[in-house]
Amino acid sequence: RLGIKLGFGERTVEEICLENGVNCDTFLLIANVYATEGYVPSPG
C-alpha cells in the first residue's frame, strides 16, 4: 500500500523508505500497529 516492492537485498528500513519516497517514521508507526498488540505511539 506504500508502493514499496520486494527485492530489498541487505538494505535497511530507512534506506528502503528513502529510495521509495516514504517517510520512515510514518512507516514505523504503521508497522508497529500491525506487529505490536496494544501499540500506543509516542507523541514524538
PDB file of all heavy atoms in Angstrom:
ATOM      1  N   ARG A   1       0.814  -1.216   0.000  1.00  0.00           N
ATOM      2  CA  ARG A   1       0.000   0.000   0.000  1.00  0.00           C
ATOM      3  C   ARG A   1       0.848   1.266   0.000  1.00  0.00           C
ATOM      4  O   ARG A   1       0.371   2.335  -0.379  1.00  0.00           O
ATOM      5  CB  ARG A   1      -0.947  -0.007   1.198  1.00  0.00           C
ATOM      6  CG  ARG A   1      -1.986  -1.118   1.106  1.00  0.00           C
ATOM      7  CD  ARG A   1      -2.738  -1.293   2.403  1.00  0.00           C
ATOM      8  NE  ARG A   1      -3.191  -2.672   2.537  1.00  0.00           N
ATOM      9  CZ  ARG A   1      -3.795  -3.152   3.593  1.00  0.00           C
ATOM     10  NH1 ARG A   1      -4.007  -2.381   4.644  1.00  0.00           N
ATOM     11  NH2 ARG A   1      -4.167  -4.407   3.647  1.00  0.00           N
ATOM     12  N   LEU A   2       2.089   1.127   0.424  1.00  0.00           N
ATOM     13  CA  LEU A   2       3.000   2.275   0.382  1.00  0.00           C
ATOM     14  C   LEU A   2       3.782   2.332  -0.932  1.00  0.00           C
ATOM     15  O   LEU A   2       4.614   3.215  -1.120  1.00  0.00           O
ATOM     16  CB  LEU A   2       3.974   2.215   1.564  1.00  0.00           C
ATOM     17  CG  LEU A   2       3.364   2.527   2.938  1.00  0.00           C
ATOM     18  CD1 LEU A   2       4.358   2.184   4.040  1.00  0.00           C
ATOM     19  CD2 LEU A   2       2.947   3.991   3.042  1.00  0.00           C
ATOM     20  N   GLY A   3       3.524   1.387  -1.816  1.00  0.00           N
ATOM     21  CA  GLY A   3       4.189   1.376  -3.114  1.00  0.00           C
ATOM     22  C   GLY A   3       5.605   0.842  -3.073  1.00  0.00           C
ATOM     23  O   GLY A   3       6.394   1.102  -3.982  1.00  0.00           O
ATOM     24  N   ILE A   4       5.942   0.081  -2.023  1.00  0.00           N
ATOM     25  CA  ILE A   4       7.290  -0.476  -1.880  1.00  0.00           C
ATOM     26  C   ILE A   4       7.283  -1.914  -2.388  1.00  0.00           C
ATOM     27  O   ILE A   4       6.525  -2.745  -1.911  1.00  0.00           O
ATOM     28  CB  ILE A   4       7.752  -0.438  -0.410  1.00  0.00           C
ATOM     29  CG1 ILE A   4       7.780   1.006   0.100  1.00  0.00           C
ATOM     30  CG2 ILE A   4       9.128  -1.074  -0.265  1.00  0.00           C
ATOM     31  CD1 ILE A   4       8.114   1.130   1.578  1.00  0.00           C
ATOM     32  N   LYS A   5       8.162  -2.207  -3.355  1.00  0.00           N
ATOM     33  CA  LYS A   5       8.208  -3.535  -3.955  1.00  0.00           C
ATOM     34  C   LYS A   5       9.287  -4.393  -3.287  1.00  0.00           C
ATOM     35  O   LYS A   5      10.196  -3.884  -2.632  1.00  0.00           O
ATOM     36  CB  LYS A   5       8.462  -3.422  -5.459  1.00  0.00           C
ATOM     37  CG  LYS A   5       7.347  -2.688  -6.203  1.00  0.00           C
ATOM     38  CD  LYS A   5       7.566  -2.723  -7.693  1.00  0.00           C
ATOM     39  CE  LYS A   5       6.456  -1.973  -8.441  1.00  0.00           C
ATOM     40  NZ  LYS A   5       5.137  -2.586  -8.234  1.00  0.00           N
ATOM     41  N   LEU A   6       9.170  -5.701  -3.484  1.00  0.00           N
ATOM     42  CA  LEU A   6      10.129  -6.638  -2.908  1.00  0.00           C
ATOM     43  C   LEU A   6      11.467  -6.565  -3.646  1.00  0.00           C
ATOM     44  O   LEU A   6      11.561  -6.007  -4.738  1.00  0.00           O
ATOM     45  CB  LEU A   6       9.579  -8.064  -2.969  1.00  0.00           C
ATOM     46  CG  LEU A   6       8.244  -8.315  -2.251  1.00  0.00           C
ATOM     47  CD1 LEU A   6       7.807  -9.759  -2.463  1.00  0.00           C
ATOM     48  CD2 LEU A   6       8.359  -8.011  -0.773  1.00  0.00           C
ATOM     49  N   GLY A   7      12.482  -7.177  -3.029  1.00  0.00           N
ATOM     50  CA  GLY A   7      13.829  -7.161  -3.605  1.00  0.00           C
ATOM     51  C   GLY A   7      14.718  -6.202  -2.830  1.00  0.00           C
ATOM     52  O   GLY A   7      15.348  -5.315  -3.408  1.00  0.00           O
ATOM     53  N   PHE A   8      14.784  -6.406  -1.505  1.00  0.00           N
ATOM     54  CA  PHE A   8      15.449  -5.427  -0.642  1.00  0.00           C
ATOM     55  C   PHE A   8      16.953  -5.628  -0.519  1.00  0.00           C
ATOM     56  O   PHE A   8      17.664  -4.721  -0.105  1.00  0.00           O
ATOM     57  CB  PHE A   8      14.856  -5.488   0.780  1.00  0.00           C
ATOM     58  CG  PHE A   8      13.368  -5.429   0.814  1.00  0.00           C
ATOM     59  CD1 PHE A   8      12.635  -6.437   1.407  1.00  0.00           C
ATOM     60  CD2 PHE A   8      12.684  -4.381   0.229  1.00  0.00           C
ATOM     61  CE1 PHE A   8      11.259  -6.392   1.444  1.00  0.00           C
ATOM     62  CE2 PHE A   8      11.309  -4.327   0.249  1.00  0.00           C
ATOM     63  CZ  PHE A   8      10.590  -5.338   0.853  1.00  0.00           C
ATOM     64  N   GLY A   9      17.416  -6.834  -0.839  1.00  0.00           N
ATOM     65  CA  GLY A   9      18.826  -7.114  -0.598  1.00  0.00           C
ATOM     66  C   GLY A   9      19.125  -6.992   0.891  1.00  0.00           C
ATOM     67  O   GLY A   9      18.365  -7.457   1.737  1.00  0.00           O
ATOM     68  N   GLU A  10      20.211  -6.328   1.208  1.00  0.00           N
ATOM     69  CA  GLU A  10      20.623  -6.142   2.599  1.00  0.00           C
ATOM     70  C   GLU A  10      20.316  -4.736   3.102  1.00  0.00           C
ATOM     71  O   GLU A  10      20.794  -4.333   4.162  1.00  0.00           O
ATOM     72  CB  GLU A  10      22.137  -6.416   2.732  1.00  0.00           C
ATOM     73  CG  GLU A  10      22.562  -7.821   2.344  1.00  0.00           C
ATOM     74  CD  GLU A  10      21.895  -8.883   3.204  1.00  0.00           C
ATOM     75  OE1 GLU A  10      21.861  -8.715   4.435  1.00  0.00           O
ATOM     76  OE2 GLU A  10      21.383  -9.884   2.645  1.00  0.00           O
ATOM     77  N   ARG A  11      19.486  -3.994   2.368  1.00  0.00           N
ATOM     78  CA  ARG A  11      19.238  -2.599   2.731  1.00  0.00           C
ATOM     79  C   ARG A  11      18.337  -2.487   3.956  1.00  0.00           C
ATOM     80  O   ARG A  11      17.491  -3.342   4.218  1.00  0.00           O
ATOM     81  CB  ARG A  11      18.649  -1.836   1.540  1.00  0.00           C
ATOM     82  CG  ARG A  11      19.608  -1.783   0.359  1.00  0.00           C
ATOM     83  CD  ARG A  11      19.178  -0.816  -0.729  1.00  0.00           C
ATOM     84  NE  ARG A  11      17.933  -1.175  -1.356  1.00  0.00           N
ATOM     85  CZ  ARG A  11      17.803  -2.132  -2.275  1.00  0.00           C
ATOM     86  NH1 ARG A  11      18.849  -2.866  -2.637  1.00  0.00           N
ATOM     87  NH2 ARG A  11      16.635  -2.376  -2.833  1.00  0.00           N
ATOM     88  N   THR A  12      18.513  -1.399   4.679  1.00  0.00           N
ATOM     89  CA  THR A  12      17.769  -1.179   5.919  1.00  0.00           C
ATOM     90  C   THR A  12      16.388  -0.598   5.648  1.00  0.00           C
ATOM     91  O   THR A  12      16.083  -0.174   4.523  1.00  0.00           O
ATOM     92  CB  THR A  12      18.529  -0.213   6.840  1.00  0.00           C
ATOM     93  OG1 THR A  12      18.574   1.086   6.208  1.00  0.00           O
ATOM     94  CG2 THR A  12      19.938  -0.698   7.123  1.00  0.00           C
ATOM     95  N   VAL A  13      15.579  -0.572   6.695  1.00  0.00           N
ATOM     96  CA  VAL A  13      14.251   0.032   6.617  1.00  0.00           C
ATOM     97  C   VAL A  13      14.370   1.485   6.165  1.00  0.00           C
ATOM     98  O   VAL A  13      13.637   1.936   5.273  1.00  0.00           O
ATOM     99  CB  VAL A  13      13.548  -0.047   7.998  1.00  0.00           C
ATOM    100  CG1 VAL A  13      12.282   0.805   8.007  1.00  0.00           C
ATOM    101  CG2 VAL A  13      13.235  -1.493   8.354  1.00  0.00           C
ATOM    102  N   GLU A  14      15.289   2.212   6.749  1.00  0.00           N
ATOM    103  CA  GLU A  14      15.451   3.628   6.408  1.00  0.00           C
ATOM    104  C   GLU A  14      15.886   3.803   4.961  1.00  0.00           C
ATOM    105  O   GLU A  14      15.372   4.680   4.246  1.00  0.00           O
ATOM    106  CB  GLU A  14      16.481   4.272   7.329  1.00  0.00           C
ATOM    107  CG  GLU A  14      16.598   5.780   7.166  1.00  0.00           C
ATOM    108  CD  GLU A  14      17.453   6.414   8.239  1.00  0.00           C
ATOM    109  OE1 GLU A  14      18.379   5.754   8.747  1.00  0.00           O
ATOM    110  OE2 GLU A  14      17.187   7.588   8.584  1.00  0.00           O
ATOM    111  N   GLU A  15      16.788   2.962   4.483  1.00  0.00           N
ATOM    112  CA  GLU A  15      17.261   3.063   3.097  1.00  0.00           C
ATOM    113  C   GLU A  15      16.133   2.755   2.111  1.00  0.00           C
ATOM    114  O   GLU A  15      15.971   3.458   1.094  1.00  0.00           O
ATOM    115  CB  GLU A  15      18.429   2.094   2.885  1.00  0.00           C
ATOM    116  CG  GLU A  15      19.709   2.532   3.567  1.00  0.00           C
ATOM    117  CD  GLU A  15      20.785   1.461   3.554  1.00  0.00           C
ATOM    118  OE1 GLU A  15      20.433   0.253   3.423  1.00  0.00           O
ATOM    119  OE2 GLU A  15      21.977   1.802   3.680  1.00  0.00           O
ATOM    120  N   ILE A  16      15.338   1.726   2.410  1.00  0.00           N
ATOM    121  CA  ILE A  16      14.234   1.361   1.514  1.00  0.00           C
ATOM    122  C   ILE A  16      13.178   2.469   1.477  1.00  0.00           C
ATOM    123  O   ILE A  16      12.662   2.818   0.407  1.00  0.00           O
ATOM    124  CB  ILE A  16      13.603   0.030   1.950  1.00  0.00           C
ATOM    125  CG1 ILE A  16      14.586  -1.123   1.772  1.00  0.00           C
ATOM    126  CG2 ILE A  16      12.318  -0.236   1.181  1.00  0.00           C
ATOM    127  CD1 ILE A  16      15.013  -1.374   0.339  1.00  0.00           C
ATOM    128  N   CYS A  17      12.867   3.033   2.646  1.00  0.00           N
ATOM    129  CA  CYS A  17      11.890   4.129   2.690  1.00  0.00           C
ATOM    130  C   CYS A  17      12.389   5.326   1.896  1.00  0.00           C
ATOM    131  O   CYS A  17      11.636   5.950   1.134  1.00  0.00           O
ATOM    132  CB  CYS A  17      11.607   4.523   4.141  1.00  0.00           C
ATOM    133  SG  CYS A  17      10.583   3.336   5.051  1.00  0.00           S
ATOM    134  N   LEU A  18      13.663   5.653   2.060  1.00  0.00           N
ATOM    135  CA  LEU A  18      14.246   6.792   1.342  1.00  0.00           C
ATOM    136  C   LEU A  18      14.190   6.571  -0.163  1.00  0.00           C
ATOM    137  O   LEU A  18      13.830   7.473  -0.925  1.00  0.00           O
ATOM    138  CB  LEU A  18      15.699   6.998   1.798  1.00  0.00           C
ATOM    139  CG  LEU A  18      16.429   8.215   1.225  1.00  0.00           C
ATOM    140  CD1 LEU A  18      15.737   9.512   1.640  1.00  0.00           C
ATOM    141  CD2 LEU A  18      17.882   8.227   1.684  1.00  0.00           C
ATOM    142  N   GLU A  19      14.526   5.368  -0.613  1.00  0.00           N
ATOM    143  CA  GLU A  19      14.501   5.041  -2.041  1.00  0.00           C
ATOM    144  C   GLU A  19      13.098   5.178  -2.636  1.00  0.00           C
ATOM    145  O   GLU A  19      12.941   5.504  -3.816  1.00  0.00           O
ATOM    146  CB  GLU A  19      14.998   3.612  -2.266  1.00  0.00           C
ATOM    147  CG  GLU A  19      16.490   3.432  -2.068  1.00  0.00           C
ATOM    148  CD  GLU A  19      16.899   1.975  -2.182  1.00  0.00           C
ATOM    149  OE1 GLU A  19      16.078   1.164  -2.691  1.00  0.00           O
ATOM    150  OE2 GLU A  19      18.017   1.638  -1.771  1.00  0.00           O
ATOM    151  N   ASN A  20      12.073   4.912  -1.809  1.00  0.00           N
ATOM    152  CA  ASN A  20      10.699   4.918  -2.299  1.00  0.00           C
ATOM    153  C   ASN A  20       9.934   6.184  -1.950  1.00  0.00           C
ATOM    154  O   ASN A  20       8.727   6.261  -2.179  1.00  0.00           O
ATOM    155  CB  ASN A  20       9.960   3.700  -1.754  1.00  0.00           C
ATOM    156  CG  ASN A  20      10.408   2.401  -2.387  1.00  0.00           C
ATOM    157  OD1 ASN A  20       9.890   1.997  -3.429  1.00  0.00           O
ATOM    158  ND2 ASN A  20      11.386   1.733  -1.784  1.00  0.00           N
ATOM    159  N   GLY A  21      10.627   7.177  -1.381  1.00  0.00           N
ATOM    160  CA  GLY A  21       9.982   8.442  -1.066  1.00  0.00           C
ATOM    161  C   GLY A  21       8.941   8.341   0.026  1.00  0.00           C
ATOM    162  O   GLY A  21       7.944   9.075   0.012  1.00  0.00           O
ATOM    163  N   VAL A  22       9.168   7.438   0.982  1.00  0.00           N
ATOM    164  CA  VAL A  22       8.229   7.231   2.089  1.00  0.00           C
ATOM    165  C   VAL A  22       8.872   7.716   3.384  1.00  0.00           C
ATOM    166  O   VAL A  22      10.023   7.371   3.683  1.00  0.00           O
ATOM    167  CB  VAL A  22       7.855   5.740   2.221  1.00  0.00           C
ATOM    168  CG1 VAL A  22       6.985   5.507   3.457  1.00  0.00           C
ATOM    169  CG2 VAL A  22       7.137   5.252   0.968  1.00  0.00           C
ATOM    170  N   ASN A  23       8.145   8.517   4.139  1.00  0.00           N
ATOM    171  CA  ASN A  23       8.629   8.961   5.438  1.00  0.00           C
ATOM    172  C   ASN A  23       8.825   7.743   6.345  1.00  0.00           C
ATOM    173  O   ASN A  23       7.877   6.999   6.609  1.00  0.00           O
ATOM    174  CB  ASN A  23       7.618   9.936   6.049  1.00  0.00           C
ATOM    175  CG  ASN A  23       8.027  10.422   7.420  1.00  0.00           C
ATOM    176  OD1 ASN A  23       7.844   9.710   8.403  1.00  0.00           O
ATOM    177  ND2 ASN A  23       8.562  11.620   7.505  1.00  0.00           N
ATOM    178  N   CYS A  24      10.052   7.535   6.827  1.00  0.00           N
ATOM    179  CA  CYS A  24      10.377   6.319   7.580  1.00  0.00           C
ATOM    180  C   CYS A  24       9.625   6.257   8.911  1.00  0.00           C
ATOM    181  O   CYS A  24       9.203   5.178   9.336  1.00  0.00           O
ATOM    182  CB  CYS A  24      11.883   6.255   7.820  1.00  0.00           C
ATOM    183  SG  CYS A  24      12.439   4.665   8.477  1.00  0.00           S
ATOM    184  N   ASP A  25       9.444   7.391   9.563  1.00  0.00           N
ATOM    185  CA  ASP A  25       8.713   7.407  10.828  1.00  0.00           C
ATOM    186  C   ASP A  25       7.255   6.998  10.627  1.00  0.00           C
ATOM    187  O   ASP A  25       6.667   6.325  11.480  1.00  0.00           O
ATOM    188  CB  ASP A  25       8.793   8.790  11.473  1.00  0.00           C
ATOM    189  CG  ASP A  25      10.203   9.129  11.934  1.00  0.00           C
ATOM    190  OD1 ASP A  25      10.722   8.404  12.797  1.00  0.00           O
ATOM    191  OD2 ASP A  25      10.777  10.097  11.432  1.00  0.00           O
ATOM    192  N   THR A  26       6.691   7.404   9.511  1.00  0.00           N
ATOM    193  CA  THR A  26       5.312   7.008   9.190  1.00  0.00           C
ATOM    194  C   THR A  26       5.229   5.501   8.986  1.00  0.00           C
ATOM    195  O   THR A  26       4.314   4.839   9.493  1.00  0.00           O
ATOM    196  CB  THR A  26       4.815   7.738   7.929  1.00  0.00           C
ATOM    197  OG1 THR A  26       5.028   9.133   8.068  1.00  0.00           O
ATOM    198  CG2 THR A  26       3.344   7.465   7.686  1.00  0.00           C
ATOM    199  N   PHE A  27       6.189   4.956   8.240  1.00  0.00           N
ATOM    200  CA  PHE A  27       6.216   3.507   8.022  1.00  0.00           C
ATOM    201  C   PHE A  27       6.321   2.764   9.352  1.00  0.00           C
ATOM    202  O   PHE A  27       5.607   1.784   9.578  1.00  0.00           O
ATOM    203  CB  PHE A  27       7.388   3.131   7.118  1.00  0.00           C
ATOM    204  CG  PHE A  27       7.631   1.649   7.066  1.00  0.00           C
ATOM    205  CD1 PHE A  27       6.823   0.829   6.303  1.00  0.00           C
ATOM    206  CD2 PHE A  27       8.651   1.074   7.809  1.00  0.00           C
ATOM    207  CE1 PHE A  27       7.012  -0.538   6.270  1.00  0.00           C
ATOM    208  CE2 PHE A  27       8.856  -0.295   7.789  1.00  0.00           C
ATOM    209  CZ  PHE A  27       8.038  -1.108   7.017  1.00  0.00           C
ATOM    210  N   LEU A  28       7.198   3.215  10.232  1.00  0.00           N
ATOM    211  CA  LEU A  28       7.389   2.524  11.513  1.00  0.00           C
ATOM    212  C   LEU A  28       6.129   2.600  12.381  1.00  0.00           C
ATOM    213  O   LEU A  28       5.796   1.642  13.078  1.00  0.00           O
ATOM    214  CB  LEU A  28       8.584   3.128  12.252  1.00  0.00           C
ATOM    215  CG  LEU A  28       9.960   2.809  11.662  1.00  0.00           C
ATOM    216  CD1 LEU A  28      11.046   3.576  12.396  1.00  0.00           C
ATOM    217  CD2 LEU A  28      10.249   1.311  11.707  1.00  0.00           C
ATOM    218  N   LEU A  29       5.436   3.726  12.333  1.00  0.00           N
ATOM    219  CA  LEU A  29       4.178   3.843  13.076  1.00  0.00           C
ATOM    220  C   LEU A  29       3.173   2.799  12.602  1.00  0.00           C
ATOM    221  O   LEU A  29       2.583   2.066  13.405  1.00  0.00           O
ATOM    222  CB  LEU A  29       3.585   5.243  12.896  1.00  0.00           C
ATOM    223  CG  LEU A  29       4.074   6.354  13.806  1.00  0.00           C
ATOM    224  CD1 LEU A  29       3.455   7.688  13.372  1.00  0.00           C
ATOM    225  CD2 LEU A  29       3.717   6.076  15.252  1.00  0.00           C
ATOM    226  N   ILE A  30       2.980   2.723  11.296  1.00  0.00           N
ATOM    227  CA  ILE A  30       2.011   1.782  10.731  1.00  0.00           C
ATOM    228  C   ILE A  30       2.435   0.343  11.019  1.00  0.00           C
ATOM    229  O   ILE A  30       1.625  -0.493  11.442  1.00  0.00           O
ATOM    230  CB  ILE A  30       1.868   2.010   9.215  1.00  0.00           C
ATOM    231  CG1 ILE A  30       1.309   3.409   8.929  1.00  0.00           C
ATOM    232  CG2 ILE A  30       0.976   0.936   8.581  1.00  0.00           C
ATOM    233  CD1 ILE A  30       1.410   3.828   7.478  1.00  0.00           C
ATOM    234  N   ALA A  31       3.725   0.055  10.817  1.00  0.00           N
ATOM    235  CA  ALA A  31       4.227  -1.306  11.031  1.00  0.00           C
ATOM    236  C   ALA A  31       4.058  -1.739  12.481  1.00  0.00           C
ATOM    237  O   ALA A  31       3.709  -2.896  12.757  1.00  0.00           O
ATOM    238  CB  ALA A  31       5.700  -1.383  10.617  1.00  0.00           C
ATOM    239  N   ASN A  32       4.277  -0.832  13.410  1.00  0.00           N
ATOM    240  CA  ASN A  32       4.143  -1.170  14.826  1.00  0.00           C
ATOM    241  C   ASN A  32       2.698  -1.449  15.210  1.00  0.00           C
ATOM    242  O   ASN A  32       2.438  -2.275  16.092  1.00  0.00           O
ATOM    243  CB  ASN A  32       4.713  -0.051  15.689  1.00  0.00           C
ATOM    244  CG  ASN A  32       6.199  -0.223  15.953  1.00  0.00           C
ATOM    245  OD1 ASN A  32       6.637  -1.261  16.428  1.00  0.00           O
ATOM    246  ND2 ASN A  32       6.983   0.787  15.620  1.00  0.00           N
ATOM    247  N   VAL A  33       1.755  -0.774  14.591  1.00  0.00           N
ATOM    248  CA  VAL A  33       0.339  -1.054  14.858  1.00  0.00           C
ATOM    249  C   VAL A  33       0.019  -2.496  14.468  1.00  0.00           C
ATOM    250  O   VAL A  33      -0.701  -3.209  15.175  1.00  0.00           O
ATOM    251  CB  VAL A  33      -0.573  -0.070  14.105  1.00  0.00           C
ATOM    252  CG1 VAL A  33      -2.027  -0.528  14.156  1.00  0.00           C
ATOM    253  CG2 VAL A  33      -0.459   1.330  14.693  1.00  0.00           C
ATOM    254  N   TYR A  34       0.564  -2.944  13.328  1.00  0.00           N
ATOM    255  CA  TYR A  34       0.319  -4.309  12.874  1.00  0.00           C
ATOM    256  C   TYR A  34       1.062  -5.343  13.713  1.00  0.00           C
ATOM    257  O   TYR A  34       0.532  -6.412  14.010  1.00  0.00           O
ATOM    258  CB  TYR A  34       0.744  -4.464  11.408  1.00  0.00           C
ATOM    259  CG  TYR A  34      -0.331  -4.069  10.433  1.00  0.00           C
ATOM    260  CD1 TYR A  34      -0.515  -2.733  10.076  1.00  0.00           C
ATOM    261  CD2 TYR A  34      -1.180  -5.016   9.875  1.00  0.00           C
ATOM    262  CE1 TYR A  34      -1.509  -2.358   9.191  1.00  0.00           C
ATOM    263  CE2 TYR A  34      -2.177  -4.657   8.986  1.00  0.00           C
ATOM    264  CZ  TYR A  34      -2.337  -3.323   8.647  1.00  0.00           C
ATOM    265  OH  TYR A  34      -3.337  -2.953   7.780  1.00  0.00           O
ATOM    266  N   ALA A  35       2.289  -5.029  14.091  1.00  0.00           N
ATOM    267  CA  ALA A  35       3.155  -6.031  14.708  1.00  0.00           C
ATOM    268  C   ALA A  35       3.043  -6.100  16.227  1.00  0.00           C
ATOM    269  O   ALA A  35       3.409  -7.114  16.822  1.00  0.00           O
ATOM    270  CB  ALA A  35       4.607  -5.762  14.317  1.00  0.00           C
ATOM    271  N   THR A  36       2.541  -5.036  16.860  1.00  0.00           N
ATOM    272  CA  THR A  36       2.545  -4.967  18.324  1.00  0.00           C
ATOM    273  C   THR A  36       1.126  -4.797  18.838  1.00  0.00           C
ATOM    274  O   THR A  36       0.491  -3.763  18.587  1.00  0.00           O
ATOM    275  CB  THR A  36       3.417  -3.791  18.810  1.00  0.00           C
ATOM    276  OG1 THR A  36       4.704  -3.863  18.183  1.00  0.00           O
ATOM    277  CG2 THR A  36       3.570  -3.818  20.316  1.00  0.00           C
ATOM    278  N   GLU A  37       0.641  -5.785  19.563  1.00  0.00           N
ATOM    279  CA  GLU A  37      -0.709  -5.715  20.123  1.00  0.00           C
ATOM    280  C   GLU A  37      -0.778  -4.609  21.171  1.00  0.00           C
ATOM    281  O   GLU A  37       0.078  -4.492  22.040  1.00  0.00           O
ATOM    282  CB  GLU A  37      -1.071  -7.058  20.763  1.00  0.00           C
ATOM    283  CG  GLU A  37      -2.547  -7.226  21.057  1.00  0.00           C
ATOM    284  CD  GLU A  37      -3.390  -7.262  19.804  1.00  0.00           C
ATOM    285  OE1 GLU A  37      -2.903  -7.784  18.781  1.00  0.00           O
ATOM    286  OE2 GLU A  37      -4.529  -6.768  19.847  1.00  0.00           O
ATOM    287  N   GLY A  38      -1.805  -3.762  21.057  1.00  0.00           N
ATOM    288  CA  GLY A  38      -1.983  -2.676  22.015  1.00  0.00           C
ATOM    289  C   GLY A  38      -0.969  -1.558  21.877  1.00  0.00           C
ATOM    290  O   GLY A  38      -0.734  -0.802  22.827  1.00  0.00           O
ATOM    291  N   TYR A  39      -0.377  -1.435  20.703  1.00  0.00           N
ATOM    292  CA  TYR A  39       0.661  -0.419  20.485  1.00  0.00           C
ATOM    293  C   TYR A  39       0.101   0.990  20.653  1.00  0.00           C
ATOM    294  O   TYR A  39      -0.941   1.332  20.089  1.00  0.00           O
ATOM    295  CB  TYR A  39       1.254  -0.573  19.093  1.00  0.00           C
ATOM    296  CG  TYR A  39       2.251   0.492  18.716  1.00  0.00           C
ATOM    297  CD1 TYR A  39       3.498   0.553  19.337  1.00  0.00           C
ATOM    298  CD2 TYR A  39       1.957   1.439  17.738  1.00  0.00           C
ATOM    299  CE1 TYR A  39       4.420   1.532  18.986  1.00  0.00           C
ATOM    300  CE2 TYR A  39       2.873   2.406  17.376  1.00  0.00           C
ATOM    301  CZ  TYR A  39       4.103   2.447  18.012  1.00  0.00           C
ATOM    302  OH  TYR A  39       5.009   3.420  17.663  1.00  0.00           O
ATOM    303  N   VAL A  40       0.808   1.798  21.440  1.00  0.00           N
ATOM    304  CA  VAL A  40       0.454   3.206  21.627  1.00  0.00           C
ATOM    305  C   VAL A  40       1.653   4.047  21.198  1.00  0.00           C
ATOM    306  O   VAL A  40       2.698   4.019  21.852  1.00  0.00           O
ATOM    307  CB  VAL A  40       0.096   3.512  23.097  1.00  0.00           C
ATOM    308  CG1 VAL A  40      -0.235   4.991  23.251  1.00  0.00           C
ATOM    309  CG2 VAL A  40      -1.071   2.651  23.561  1.00  0.00           C
ATOM    310  N   PRO A  41       1.547   4.770  20.091  1.00  0.00           N
ATOM    311  CA  PRO A  41       2.691   5.534  19.600  1.00  0.00           C
ATOM    312  C   PRO A  41       3.041   6.709  20.506  1.00  0.00           C
ATOM    313  O   PRO A  41       2.160   7.298  21.138  1.00  0.00           O
ATOM    314  CB  PRO A  41       2.221   6.031  18.228  1.00  0.00           C
ATOM    315  CG  PRO A  41       0.732   6.049  18.319  1.00  0.00           C
ATOM    316  CD  PRO A  41       0.365   4.921  19.237  1.00  0.00           C
ATOM    317  N   SER A  42       4.313   7.022  20.560  1.00  0.00           N
ATOM    318  CA  SER A  42       4.750   8.155  21.370  1.00  0.00           C
ATOM    319  C   SER A  42       4.417   9.462  20.664  1.00  0.00           C
ATOM    320  O   SER A  42       4.375   9.519  19.429  1.00  0.00           O
ATOM    321  CB  SER A  42       6.256   8.083  21.609  1.00  0.00           C
ATOM    322  OG  SER A  42       6.953   8.309  20.393  1.00  0.00           O
ATOM    323  N   PRO A  43       4.176  10.534  21.416  1.00  0.00           N
ATOM    324  CA  PRO A  43       3.912  11.843  20.799  1.00  0.00           C
ATOM    325  C   PRO A  43       5.040  12.289  19.871  1.00  0.00           C
ATOM    326  O   PRO A  43       4.789  12.891  18.827  1.00  0.00           O
ATOM    327  CB  PRO A  43       3.789  12.778  22.004  1.00  0.00           C
ATOM    328  CG  PRO A  43       3.354  11.887  23.128  1.00  0.00           C
ATOM    329  CD  PRO A  43       4.050  10.576  22.887  1.00  0.00           C
ATOM    330  N   GLY A  44       6.277  11.937  20.246  1.00  0.00           N
ATOM    331  CA  GLY A  44       7.416  12.334  19.418  1.00  0.00           C
ATOM    332  C   GLY A  44       7.395  11.681  18.054  1.00  0.00           C
ATOM    333  O   GLY A  44       7.680  12.327  17.035  1.00  0.00           O
TER     334      GLY A  44
END
